[in-house]
Amino acid sequence: MTTEKAGYLPLAGDDSAEAPGSLEAVIAVQVKRYRAEAGISAAELASRTGLSKAMISKIESASTSCSLTTLQRLAHGLTVPVTALFQGADTEREATLTKAGEGSVTVRTGTRHGHEYRSLGSLKRRENAIEPSMVTLTSASDVFPLFQHPGTEFIHMLEGRMVYGHGSYEYELSPGDSLVFEGEGPHGPLRLIELPIRFLAVAAR
């Protein structure tokens, strides 16, 4: 399992690329971007904001830090929210890549040999993140464990046929079928009709 994080991506020809990810660099990129979109010169932006042309140049080259007042003036002059000038400042986001055939195998209470629950990744820093799993059933069983958990769950059949129970209802699922349900209700495979069975399960707790 490999974790990859996105970094700051400078615009082509951006002089502030020497300081990737810094707040000054992000503000520089956004000011130049919105000024270009507005079709105004640095001198005109200076006139709109009450800042000097030299200060605009410093801001756009990421060679100075802006006070809150300066940011408010820039936002007003560019006709954008102040928050627009910070877009890209927090680009370190968690991501998980699980290559084919990889992923940790989860042993769930009541499961047996031939019933595999393989985790396809998780986000440790985010609460209530989805939990995707690939479930493979290769052997029949008279009794399957039923699961209950907070939140919702989605399953999508990829291979085989089975009857899946949720609460007092039963659903026959074939490849291409999907089922979304509340996780609090007892749920799980009831009968395996055609083996092997493989389905994607995504829980949001």
C-alpha atoms as a PDB file:
ATOM      1  CA  MET A   1       0.000   0.000   0.000  1.00  0.00           C
ATOM      2  CA  THR A   2       1.533   3.297  -1.081  1.00  0.00           C
ATOM      3  CA  THR A   3       0.604   6.768   0.078  1.00  0.00           C
ATOM      4  CA  GLU A   4       1.057   9.633  -2.350  1.00  0.00           C
ATOM      5  CA  LYS A   5       0.591  13.265  -1.477  1.00  0.00           C
ATOM      6  CA  ALA A   6      -0.124  16.055  -3.920  1.00  0.00           C
ATOM      7  CA  GLY A   7       2.235  19.021  -3.822  1.00  0.00           C
ATOM      8  CA  TYR A   8       2.091  22.624  -4.986  1.00  0.00           C
ATOM      9  CA  LEU A   9       1.944  22.856  -8.760  1.00  0.00           C
ATOM     10  CA  PRO A  10       3.364  26.156 -10.067  1.00  0.00           C
ATOM     11  CA  LEU A  11       1.892  27.714 -13.160  1.00  0.00           C
ATOM     12  CA  ALA A  12       3.966  27.742 -16.304  1.00  0.00           C
ATOM     13  CA  GLY A  13       6.378  30.670 -16.245  1.00  0.00           C
ATOM     14  CA  ASP A  14       5.693  31.311 -12.558  1.00  0.00           C
ATOM     15  CA  ASP A  15       8.654  33.013 -10.832  1.00  0.00           C
ATOM     16  CA  SER A  16       7.283  31.995  -7.427  1.00  0.00           C
ATOM     17  CA  ALA A  17       7.939  28.335  -8.229  1.00  0.00           C
ATOM     18  CA  GLU A  18      11.176  28.615  -6.214  1.00  0.00           C
ATOM     19  CA  ALA A  19       9.099  28.492  -3.036  1.00  0.00           C
ATOM     20  CA  PRO A  20       6.674  25.629  -3.707  1.00  0.00           C
ATOM     21  CA  GLY A  21       3.815  25.378  -1.263  1.00  0.00           C
ATOM     22  CA  SER A  22       4.679  28.543   0.703  1.00  0.00           C
ATOM     23  CA  LEU A  23       1.835  30.922   1.487  1.00  0.00           C
ATOM     24  CA  GLU A  24       3.596  33.780  -0.304  1.00  0.00           C
ATOM     25  CA  ALA A  25       3.975  31.657  -3.436  1.00  0.00           C
ATOM     26  CA  VAL A  26       0.320  30.639  -3.384  1.00  0.00           C
ATOM     27  CA  ILE A  27      -0.855  34.246  -3.000  1.00  0.00           C
ATOM     28  CA  ALA A  28       1.506  35.308  -5.810  1.00  0.00           C
ATOM     29  CA  VAL A  29       0.015  32.728  -8.160  1.00  0.00           C
ATOM     30  CA  GLN A  30      -3.562  33.655  -7.318  1.00  0.00           C
ATOM     31  CA  VAL A  31      -3.050  37.415  -7.609  1.00  0.00           C
ATOM     32  CA  LYS A  32      -1.435  37.023 -11.044  1.00  0.00           C
ATOM     33  CA  ARG A  33      -4.133  34.592 -12.079  1.00  0.00           C
ATOM     34  CA  TYR A  34      -7.064  36.796 -11.127  1.00  0.00           C
ATOM     35  CA  ARG A  35      -5.385  39.927 -12.491  1.00  0.00           C
ATOM     36  CA  ALA A  36      -4.874  38.183 -15.838  1.00  0.00           C
ATOM     37  CA  GLU A  37      -8.481  36.969 -15.861  1.00  0.00           C
ATOM     38  CA  ALA A  38      -9.666  40.518 -15.156  1.00  0.00           C
ATOM     39  CA  GLY A  39      -7.461  41.827 -17.968  1.00  0.00           C
ATOM     40  CA  ILE A  40      -5.866  44.561 -15.881  1.00  0.00           C
ATOM     41  CA  SER A  41      -2.255  45.641 -15.544  1.00  0.00           C
ATOM     42  CA  ALA A  42      -0.221  45.708 -12.348  1.00  0.00           C
ATOM     43  CA  ALA A  43      -0.464  49.511 -12.439  1.00  0.00           C
ATOM     44  CA  GLU A  44      -4.259  49.374 -12.632  1.00  0.00           C
ATOM     45  CA  LEU A  45      -4.418  46.879  -9.757  1.00  0.00           C
ATOM     46  CA  ALA A  46      -2.203  49.214  -7.753  1.00  0.00           C
ATOM     47  CA  SER A  47      -4.612  52.052  -8.462  1.00  0.00           C
ATOM     48  CA  ARG A  48      -7.629  49.952  -7.438  1.00  0.00           C
ATOM     49  CA  THR A  49      -6.071  48.794  -4.192  1.00  0.00           C
ATOM     50  CA  GLY A  50      -4.192  51.897  -3.100  1.00  0.00           C
ATOM     51  CA  LEU A  51      -0.960  49.900  -3.084  1.00  0.00           C
ATOM     52  CA  SER A  52       2.144  50.909  -4.969  1.00  0.00           C
ATOM     53  CA  LYS A  53       3.084  49.243  -8.234  1.00  0.00           C
ATOM     54  CA  ALA A  54       6.322  48.153  -6.557  1.00  0.00           C
ATOM     55  CA  MET A  55       4.311  46.404  -3.813  1.00  0.00           C
ATOM     56  CA  ILE A  56       2.169  44.599  -6.416  1.00  0.00           C
ATOM     57  CA  SER A  57       5.391  43.450  -8.083  1.00  0.00           C
ATOM     58  CA  LYS A  58       6.752  42.136  -4.773  1.00  0.00           C
ATOM     59  CA  ILE A  59       3.500  40.296  -4.029  1.00  0.00           C
ATOM     60  CA  GLU A  60       3.442  38.689  -7.471  1.00  0.00           C
ATOM     61  CA  SER A  61       7.068  37.572  -7.138  1.00  0.00           C
ATOM     62  CA  ALA A  62       6.408  36.118  -3.673  1.00  0.00           C
ATOM     63  CA  SER A  63       9.119  38.328  -2.190  1.00  0.00           C
ATOM     64  CA  THR A  64       6.963  39.846   0.542  1.00  0.00           C
ATOM     65  CA  SER A  65       4.358  38.738   3.060  1.00  0.00           C
ATOM     66  CA  CYS A  66       0.924  40.332   2.929  1.00  0.00           C
ATOM     67  CA  SER A  67      -0.902  41.714   5.925  1.00  0.00           C
ATOM     68  CA  LEU A  68      -4.607  41.015   6.318  1.00  0.00           C
ATOM     69  CA  THR A  69      -5.348  44.595   5.267  1.00  0.00           C
ATOM     70  CA  THR A  70      -3.290  44.153   2.097  1.00  0.00           C
ATOM     71  CA  LEU A  71      -5.090  40.899   1.313  1.00  0.00           C
ATOM     72  CA  GLN A  72      -8.448  42.601   1.750  1.00  0.00           C
ATOM     73  CA  ARG A  73      -7.385  45.378  -0.619  1.00  0.00           C
ATOM     74  CA  LEU A  74      -6.189  42.880  -3.201  1.00  0.00           C
ATOM     75  CA  ALA A  75      -9.405  40.880  -2.983  1.00  0.00           C
ATOM     76  CA  HIS A  76     -11.484  44.037  -3.367  1.00  0.00           C
ATOM     77  CA  GLY A  77      -9.397  45.216  -6.322  1.00  0.00           C
ATOM     78  CA  LEU A  78      -9.674  41.842  -8.035  1.00  0.00           C
ATOM     79  CA  THR A  79     -13.371  41.455  -7.105  1.00  0.00           C
ATOM     80  CA  VAL A  80     -12.843  38.055  -5.485  1.00  0.00           C
ATOM     81  CA  PRO A  81     -13.308  36.745  -1.917  1.00  0.00           C
ATOM     82  CA  VAL A  82     -10.223  36.931   0.302  1.00  0.00           C
ATOM     83  CA  THR A  83     -10.290  33.145   0.561  1.00  0.00           C
ATOM     84  CA  ALA A  84      -9.737  32.911  -3.216  1.00  0.00           C
ATOM     85  CA  LEU A  85      -6.207  34.210  -2.703  1.00  0.00           C
ATOM     86  CA  PHE A  86      -5.378  31.194  -0.524  1.00  0.00           C
ATOM     87  CA  GLN A  87      -6.517  28.495  -2.949  1.00  0.00           C
ATOM     88  CA  GLY A  88      -3.771  25.886  -3.078  1.00  0.00           C
ATOM     89  CA  ALA A  89      -2.230  26.869   0.255  1.00  0.00           C
ATOM     90  CA  ASP A  90      -3.232  23.559   1.833  1.00  0.00           C
ATOM     91  CA  THR A  91      -2.378  21.035  -0.855  1.00  0.00           C
ATOM     92  CA  GLU A  92      -1.022  18.245   1.357  1.00  0.00           C
ATOM     93  CA  ARG A  93      -3.864  15.767   1.183  1.00  0.00           C
ATOM     94  CA  GLU A  94      -3.871  12.121   2.106  1.00  0.00           C
ATOM     95  CA  ALA A  95      -4.327   9.524  -0.605  1.00  0.00           C
ATOM     96  CA  THR A  96      -3.930   5.769  -0.615  1.00  0.00           C
ATOM     97  CA  LEU A  97      -3.028   3.655  -3.635  1.00  0.00           C
ATOM     98  CA  THR A  98      -3.675  -0.077  -3.468  1.00  0.00           C
ATOM     99  CA  LYS A  99      -2.228  -1.999  -6.395  1.00  0.00           C
ATOM    100  CA  ALA A 100      -4.023  -4.984  -7.879  1.00  0.00           C
ATOM    101  CA  GLY A 101      -3.802  -8.010  -5.602  1.00  0.00           C
ATOM    102  CA  GLU A 102      -2.545  -5.965  -2.663  1.00  0.00           C
ATOM    103  CA  GLY A 103      -4.367  -4.663   0.393  1.00  0.00           C
ATOM    104  CA  SER A 104      -4.648  -6.092   3.878  1.00  0.00           C
ATOM    105  CA  VAL A 105      -6.953  -9.063   4.434  1.00  0.00           C
ATOM    106  CA  THR A 106      -9.464  -8.480   7.203  1.00  0.00           C
ATOM    107  CA  VAL A 107     -10.510 -11.401   9.364  1.00  0.00           C
ATOM    108  CA  ARG A 108     -14.058 -10.819  10.553  1.00  0.00           C
ATOM    109  CA  THR A 109     -15.690 -12.682  13.399  1.00  0.00           C
ATOM    110  CA  GLY A 110     -17.519 -15.740  12.144  1.00  0.00           C
ATOM    111  CA  THR A 111     -15.783 -15.871   8.777  1.00  0.00           C
ATOM    112  CA  ARG A 112     -14.150 -19.063   7.558  1.00  0.00           C
ATOM    113  CA  HIS A 113     -11.626 -20.262   5.022  1.00  0.00           C
ATOM    114  CA  GLY A 114     -12.763 -19.297   1.540  1.00  0.00           C
ATOM    115  CA  HIS A 115     -14.289 -16.011   2.691  1.00  0.00           C
ATOM    116  CA  GLU A 116     -11.857 -13.144   2.061  1.00  0.00           C
ATOM    117  CA  TYR A 117     -12.411  -9.500   2.940  1.00  0.00           C
ATOM    118  CA  ARG A 118      -9.542  -7.466   1.439  1.00  0.00           C
ATOM    119  CA  SER A 119      -9.235  -3.784   2.384  1.00  0.00           C
ATOM    120  CA  LEU A 120      -8.666  -1.521  -0.626  1.00  0.00           C
ATOM    121  CA  GLY A 121      -7.391   1.445   1.372  1.00  0.00           C
ATOM    122  CA  SER A 122      -8.279   3.941   4.065  1.00  0.00           C
ATOM    123  CA  LEU A 123      -7.689   7.547   5.094  1.00  0.00           C
ATOM    124  CA  LYS A 124      -6.314   7.752   8.620  1.00  0.00           C
ATOM    125  CA  ARG A 125      -6.590  11.520   9.057  1.00  0.00           C
ATOM    126  CA  ARG A 126     -10.230  11.897   8.076  1.00  0.00           C
ATOM    127  CA  GLU A 127     -13.148  10.891  10.271  1.00  0.00           C
ATOM    128  CA  ASN A 128     -16.073   9.060   8.685  1.00  0.00           C
ATOM    129  CA  ALA A 129     -13.996   8.145   5.628  1.00  0.00           C
ATOM    130  CA  ILE A 130     -15.300   5.426   3.349  1.00  0.00           C
ATOM    131  CA  GLU A 131     -13.939   1.899   3.799  1.00  0.00           C
ATOM    132  CA  PRO A 132     -13.763   0.011   0.482  1.00  0.00           C
ATOM    133  CA  SER A 133     -13.245  -3.753   0.482  1.00  0.00           C
ATOM    134  CA  MET A 134     -13.128  -6.508  -2.109  1.00  0.00           C
ATOM    135  CA  VAL A 135     -15.051  -9.533  -0.874  1.00  0.00           C
ATOM    136  CA  THR A 136     -14.341 -12.931  -2.417  1.00  0.00           C
ATOM    137  CA  LEU A 137     -16.310 -16.055  -1.523  1.00  0.00           C
ATOM    138  CA  THR A 138     -14.966 -19.310  -2.947  1.00  0.00           C
ATOM    139  CA  SER A 139     -16.617 -21.917  -0.753  1.00  0.00           C
ATOM    140  CA  ALA A 140     -20.194 -22.487   0.319  1.00  0.00           C
ATOM    141  CA  SER A 141     -21.387 -22.350   3.903  1.00  0.00           C
ATOM    142  CA  ASP A 142     -24.687 -23.147   5.534  1.00  0.00           C
ATOM    143  CA  VAL A 143     -24.398 -20.245   7.942  1.00  0.00           C
ATOM    144  CA  PHE A 144     -22.924 -16.821   7.247  1.00  0.00           C
ATOM    145  CA  PRO A 145     -22.217 -14.202   9.894  1.00  0.00           C
ATOM    146  CA  LEU A 146     -24.387 -11.095   9.737  1.00  0.00           C
ATOM    147  CA  PHE A 147     -22.772  -7.708  10.262  1.00  0.00           C
ATOM    148  CA  GLN A 148     -24.024  -4.466  11.735  1.00  0.00           C
ATOM    149  CA  HIS A 149     -22.312  -1.073  11.844  1.00  0.00           C
ATOM    150  CA  PRO A 150     -23.182   2.622  11.909  1.00  0.00           C
ATOM    151  CA  GLY A 151     -23.620   4.493   8.631  1.00  0.00           C
ATOM    152  CA  THR A 152     -24.388   3.151   5.182  1.00  0.00           C
ATOM    153  CA  GLU A 153     -22.947   0.535   2.840  1.00  0.00           C
ATOM    154  CA  PHE A 154     -22.818  -0.002  -0.904  1.00  0.00           C
ATOM    155  CA  ILE A 155     -22.093  -3.302  -2.621  1.00  0.00           C
ATOM    156  CA  HIS A 156     -21.606  -3.960  -6.326  1.00  0.00           C
ATOM    157  CA  MET A 157     -21.543  -7.485  -7.728  1.00  0.00           C
ATOM    158  CA  LEU A 158     -18.631  -8.339 -10.012  1.00  0.00           C
ATOM    159  CA  GLU A 159     -18.816 -12.105 -10.305  1.00  0.00           C
ATOM    160  CA  GLY A 160     -21.109 -14.993  -9.307  1.00  0.00           C
ATOM    161  CA  ARG A 161     -24.626 -14.916  -7.875  1.00  0.00           C
ATOM    162  CA  MET A 162     -25.881 -14.807  -4.292  1.00  0.00           C
ATOM    163  CA  VAL A 163     -28.781 -13.865  -2.083  1.00  0.00           C
ATOM    164  CA  TYR A 164     -27.887 -10.987   0.211  1.00  0.00           C
ATOM    165  CA  GLY A 165     -29.922 -10.248   3.309  1.00  0.00           C
ATOM    166  CA  HIS A 166     -30.634  -6.916   4.946  1.00  0.00           C
ATOM    167  CA  GLY A 167     -32.975  -6.855   7.903  1.00  0.00           C
ATOM    168  CA  SER A 168     -36.015  -8.951   6.977  1.00  0.00           C
ATOM    169  CA  TYR A 169     -35.433  -8.585   3.212  1.00  0.00           C
ATOM    170  CA  GLU A 170     -33.536 -10.767   0.733  1.00  0.00           C
ATOM    171  CA  TYR A 171     -31.984  -9.598  -2.541  1.00  0.00           C
ATOM    172  CA  GLU A 172     -30.685 -11.835  -5.321  1.00  0.00           C
ATOM    173  CA  LEU A 173     -27.603 -10.225  -6.820  1.00  0.00           C
ATOM    174  CA  SER A 174     -25.879 -10.972 -10.130  1.00  0.00           C
ATOM    175  CA  PRO A 175     -22.902  -9.300 -11.854  1.00  0.00           C
ATOM    176  CA  GLY A 176     -23.644  -5.616 -12.416  1.00  0.00           C
ATOM    177  CA  ASP A 177     -26.233  -5.397  -9.610  1.00  0.00           C
ATOM    178  CA  SER A 178     -25.794  -2.872  -6.803  1.00  0.00           C
ATOM    179  CA  LEU A 179     -27.320  -2.543  -3.352  1.00  0.00           C
ATOM    180  CA  VAL A 180     -27.223   0.425  -0.965  1.00  0.00           C
ATOM    181  CA  PHE A 181     -28.456   0.012   2.593  1.00  0.00           C
ATOM    182  CA  GLU A 182     -28.264   1.249   6.172  1.00  0.00           C
ATOM    183  CA  GLY A 183     -25.476  -0.479   8.058  1.00  0.00           C
ATOM    184  CA  GLU A 184     -27.394  -0.661  11.333  1.00  0.00           C
ATOM    185  CA  GLY A 185     -29.603  -3.396   9.909  1.00  0.00           C
ATOM    186  CA  PRO A 186     -28.189  -6.963  10.109  1.00  0.00           C
ATOM    187  CA  HIS A 187     -26.748  -7.763   6.695  1.00  0.00           C
ATOM    188  CA  GLY A 188     -24.639 -10.295   4.835  1.00  0.00           C
ATOM    189  CA  PRO A 189     -24.718 -13.132   2.282  1.00  0.00           C
ATOM    190  CA  LEU A 190     -27.483 -15.642   2.975  1.00  0.00           C
ATOM    191  CA  ARG A 191     -27.097 -18.124   0.127  1.00  0.00           C
ATOM    192  CA  LEU A 192     -24.398 -18.598  -2.478  1.00  0.00           C
ATOM    193  CA  ILE A 193     -25.933 -19.543  -5.817  1.00  0.00           C
ATOM    194  CA  GLU A 194     -22.972 -19.441  -8.188  1.00  0.00           C
ATOM    195  CA  LEU A 195     -19.319 -19.570  -7.093  1.00  0.00           C
ATOM    196  CA  PRO A 196     -16.885 -17.922  -7.064  1.00  0.00           C
ATOM    197  CA  ILE A 197     -18.494 -14.712  -5.854  1.00  0.00           C
ATOM    198  CA  ARG A 198     -16.737 -11.382  -5.857  1.00  0.00           C
ATOM    199  CA  PHE A 199     -18.191  -8.010  -4.959  1.00  0.00           C
ATOM    200  CA  LEU A 200     -17.047  -4.539  -4.011  1.00  0.00           C
ATOM    201  CA  ALA A 201     -18.261  -3.346  -0.610  1.00  0.00           C
ATOM    202  CA  VAL A 202     -17.928   0.315   0.426  1.00  0.00           C
ATOM    203  CA  ALA A 203     -18.903   1.266   3.972  1.00  0.00           C
ATOM    204  CA  ALA A 204     -19.337   4.859   5.134  1.00  0.00           C
ATOM    205  CA  ARG A 205     -19.470   4.870   8.903  1.00  0.00           C
END
